[in-house]
Amino acid sequence: MAKKSSKEATSSALALDADLRIAAAPALRDTLLAALASGGPVGIDGSAVAQVDTAALQLLAAFSRDARAAGRTVTWTGVSDPLQRGVAVLGLNSLIELPAHAGVN
């Protein structure tokens, strides 16, 4: 359940939805798989995320791992407090690789 940004023509930029709980996991998975398959770098905007659970964080971790294995660059253009906290609580910092200076909202 993420939306492509206006930069879609030049990269696989996507904006994560505000609600990233388990009900959103299937759509998030499809979006992340499409971004991975599209080739090139992927920019993710997580600034709108207000609610996140383990299911979504597991998907983001698997996506980051798979992107790295494919030699793809993943950059974060924004990270909300709930997203930052969720990643930290689950110890997924090294997998998801949020920027240390993320624009935390």
C-alpha atoms as a PDB file:
ATOM      1  CA  MET A   1       0.000   0.000   0.000  1.00  0.00           C
ATOM      2  CA  ALA A   2       2.629   2.445  -1.030  1.00  0.00           C
ATOM      3  CA  LYS A   3       2.273   5.024  -3.716  1.00  0.00           C
ATOM      4  CA  LYS A   4       4.693   5.866  -6.477  1.00  0.00           C
ATOM      5  CA  SER A   5       5.916   9.434  -6.375  1.00  0.00           C
ATOM      6  CA  SER A   6       6.113  11.855  -9.280  1.00  0.00           C
ATOM      7  CA  LYS A   7       9.729  10.716  -9.769  1.00  0.00           C
ATOM      8  CA  GLU A   8       8.433   7.376 -11.032  1.00  0.00           C
ATOM      9  CA  ALA A   9       9.792   7.921 -14.540  1.00  0.00           C
ATOM     10  CA  THR A  10      13.412   8.182 -13.361  1.00  0.00           C
ATOM     11  CA  SER A  11      13.501   5.796 -10.403  1.00  0.00           C
ATOM     12  CA  SER A  12      11.424   3.473  -8.281  1.00  0.00           C
ATOM     13  CA  ALA A  13      10.544   6.080  -5.667  1.00  0.00           C
ATOM     14  CA  LEU A  14       7.671   5.184  -3.393  1.00  0.00           C
ATOM     15  CA  ALA A  15       5.895   6.761  -0.460  1.00  0.00           C
ATOM     16  CA  LEU A  16       4.878   4.459   2.367  1.00  0.00           C
ATOM     17  CA  ASP A  17       1.319   4.740   3.661  1.00  0.00           C
ATOM     18  CA  ALA A  18       0.456   6.023   7.130  1.00  0.00           C
ATOM     19  CA  ASP A  19      -0.888   2.636   8.264  1.00  0.00           C
ATOM     20  CA  LEU A  20       1.639  -0.164   7.808  1.00  0.00           C
ATOM     21  CA  ARG A  21       0.058  -2.825   9.965  1.00  0.00           C
ATOM     22  CA  ILE A  22      -0.588  -6.442   9.010  1.00  0.00           C
ATOM     23  CA  ALA A  23      -3.658  -5.681   6.873  1.00  0.00           C
ATOM     24  CA  ALA A  24      -1.439  -3.584   4.601  1.00  0.00           C
ATOM     25  CA  ALA A  25       1.285  -6.245   4.326  1.00  0.00           C
ATOM     26  CA  PRO A  26       0.119  -7.951   1.091  1.00  0.00           C
ATOM     27  CA  ALA A  27      -0.102  -4.668  -0.821  1.00  0.00           C
ATOM     28  CA  LEU A  28       3.209  -3.454   0.645  1.00  0.00           C
ATOM     29  CA  ARG A  29       4.855  -6.717  -0.405  1.00  0.00           C
ATOM     30  CA  ASP A  30       3.573  -6.332  -3.973  1.00  0.00           C
ATOM     31  CA  THR A  31       4.785  -2.737  -4.134  1.00  0.00           C
ATOM     32  CA  LEU A  32       8.231  -3.615  -2.813  1.00  0.00           C
ATOM     33  CA  LEU A  33       8.575  -6.553  -5.203  1.00  0.00           C
ATOM     34  CA  ALA A  34       7.620  -4.308  -8.131  1.00  0.00           C
ATOM     35  CA  ALA A  35      10.173  -1.711  -7.028  1.00  0.00           C
ATOM     36  CA  LEU A  36      12.855  -4.380  -6.825  1.00  0.00           C
ATOM     37  CA  ALA A  37      11.979  -5.730 -10.266  1.00  0.00           C
ATOM     38  CA  SER A  38      11.960  -2.297 -11.896  1.00  0.00           C
ATOM     39  CA  GLY A  39      15.758  -1.945 -11.869  1.00  0.00           C
ATOM     40  CA  GLY A  40      17.779   1.009 -10.684  1.00  0.00           C
ATOM     41  CA  PRO A  41      17.881   2.731  -7.313  1.00  0.00           C
ATOM     42  CA  VAL A  42      14.859   2.845  -5.020  1.00  0.00           C
ATOM     43  CA  GLY A  43      13.931   5.868  -2.939  1.00  0.00           C
ATOM     44  CA  ILE A  44      11.546   5.311  -0.043  1.00  0.00           C
ATOM     45  CA  ASP A  45       9.682   8.061   1.773  1.00  0.00           C
ATOM     46  CA  GLY A  46       8.632   6.830   5.192  1.00  0.00           C
ATOM     47  CA  SER A  47       7.717  10.225   6.605  1.00  0.00           C
ATOM     48  CA  ALA A  48       3.951   9.541   6.582  1.00  0.00           C
ATOM     49  CA  VAL A  49       4.120   6.272   8.540  1.00  0.00           C
ATOM     50  CA  ALA A  50       2.029   6.682  11.690  1.00  0.00           C
ATOM     51  CA  GLN A  51       1.462   3.013  12.575  1.00  0.00           C
ATOM     52  CA  VAL A  52       3.773   0.112  11.829  1.00  0.00           C
ATOM     53  CA  ASP A  53       3.948  -3.453  13.059  1.00  0.00           C
ATOM     54  CA  THR A  54       6.278  -6.404  12.836  1.00  0.00           C
ATOM     55  CA  ALA A  55       4.784  -7.697   9.569  1.00  0.00           C
ATOM     56  CA  ALA A  56       5.603  -4.497   7.683  1.00  0.00           C
ATOM     57  CA  LEU A  57       9.028  -4.202   9.278  1.00  0.00           C
ATOM     58  CA  GLN A  58       9.829  -7.779   8.261  1.00  0.00           C
ATOM     59  CA  LEU A  59       8.854  -6.929   4.679  1.00  0.00           C
ATOM     60  CA  LEU A  60      11.048  -3.830   4.689  1.00  0.00           C
ATOM     61  CA  ALA A  61      13.951  -5.844   6.100  1.00  0.00           C
ATOM     62  CA  ALA A  62      13.556  -8.595   3.478  1.00  0.00           C
ATOM     63  CA  PHE A  63      13.274  -5.974   0.733  1.00  0.00           C
ATOM     64  CA  SER A  64      16.445  -4.240   1.921  1.00  0.00           C
ATOM     65  CA  ARG A  65      18.295  -7.552   2.078  1.00  0.00           C
ATOM     66  CA  ASP A  66      17.142  -8.561  -1.405  1.00  0.00           C
ATOM     67  CA  ALA A  67      17.935  -5.139  -2.871  1.00  0.00           C
ATOM     68  CA  ARG A  68      21.441  -5.276  -1.421  1.00  0.00           C
ATOM     69  CA  ALA A  69      21.944  -8.802  -2.790  1.00  0.00           C
ATOM     70  CA  ALA A  70      20.862  -7.554  -6.233  1.00  0.00           C
ATOM     71  CA  GLY A  71      23.299  -4.632  -6.038  1.00  0.00           C
ATOM     72  CA  ARG A  72      20.461  -2.123  -5.802  1.00  0.00           C
ATOM     73  CA  THR A  73      20.702   1.138  -3.873  1.00  0.00           C
ATOM     74  CA  VAL A  74      17.922   1.943  -1.404  1.00  0.00           C
ATOM     75  CA  THR A  75      17.714   5.486  -0.056  1.00  0.00           C
ATOM     76  CA  TRP A  76      15.341   6.950   2.511  1.00  0.00           C
ATOM     77  CA  THR A  77      13.990  10.444   1.887  1.00  0.00           C
ATOM     78  CA  GLY A  78      12.057  10.636   5.142  1.00  0.00           C
ATOM     79  CA  VAL A  79      11.468   8.554   8.247  1.00  0.00           C
ATOM     80  CA  SER A  80       8.706   9.053  10.808  1.00  0.00           C
ATOM     81  CA  ASP A  81       9.171   8.584  14.553  1.00  0.00           C
ATOM     82  CA  PRO A  82       6.983   5.431  14.620  1.00  0.00           C
ATOM     83  CA  LEU A  83       8.996   3.883  11.781  1.00  0.00           C
ATOM     84  CA  GLN A  84      12.317   4.798  13.400  1.00  0.00           C
ATOM     85  CA  ARG A  85      11.177   3.380  16.757  1.00  0.00           C
ATOM     86  CA  GLY A  86       9.834   0.170  15.233  1.00  0.00           C
ATOM     87  CA  VAL A  87      13.082  -0.516  13.410  1.00  0.00           C
ATOM     88  CA  ALA A  88      15.087   0.166  16.577  1.00  0.00           C
ATOM     89  CA  VAL A  89      12.863  -1.908  18.896  1.00  0.00           C
ATOM     90  CA  LEU A  90      13.128  -4.950  16.638  1.00  0.00           C
ATOM     91  CA  GLY A  91      16.857  -4.455  16.116  1.00  0.00           C
ATOM     92  CA  LEU A  92      16.512  -4.160  12.343  1.00  0.00           C
ATOM     93  CA  ASN A  93      18.788  -1.124  11.957  1.00  0.00           C
ATOM     94  CA  SER A  94      21.532  -3.012  10.126  1.00  0.00           C
ATOM     95  CA  LEU A  95      19.052  -4.642   7.728  1.00  0.00           C
ATOM     96  CA  ILE A  96      16.768  -1.721   6.923  1.00  0.00           C
ATOM     97  CA  GLU A  97      19.573   0.861   7.070  1.00  0.00           C
ATOM     98  CA  LEU A  98      17.622   4.000   7.938  1.00  0.00           C
ATOM     99  CA  PRO A  99      19.877   7.018   7.742  1.00  0.00           C
ATOM    100  CA  ALA A 100      21.324   8.126  11.069  1.00  0.00           C
ATOM    101  CA  HIS A 101      20.241  11.685  10.333  1.00  0.00           C
ATOM    102  CA  ALA A 102      16.805  10.649   9.040  1.00  0.00           C
ATOM    103  CA  GLY A 103      14.281  13.438   8.867  1.00  0.00           C
ATOM    104  CA  VAL A 104      12.355  12.034  11.774  1.00  0.00           C
ATOM    105  CA  ASN A 105       8.861  13.492  12.086  1.00  0.00           C
END
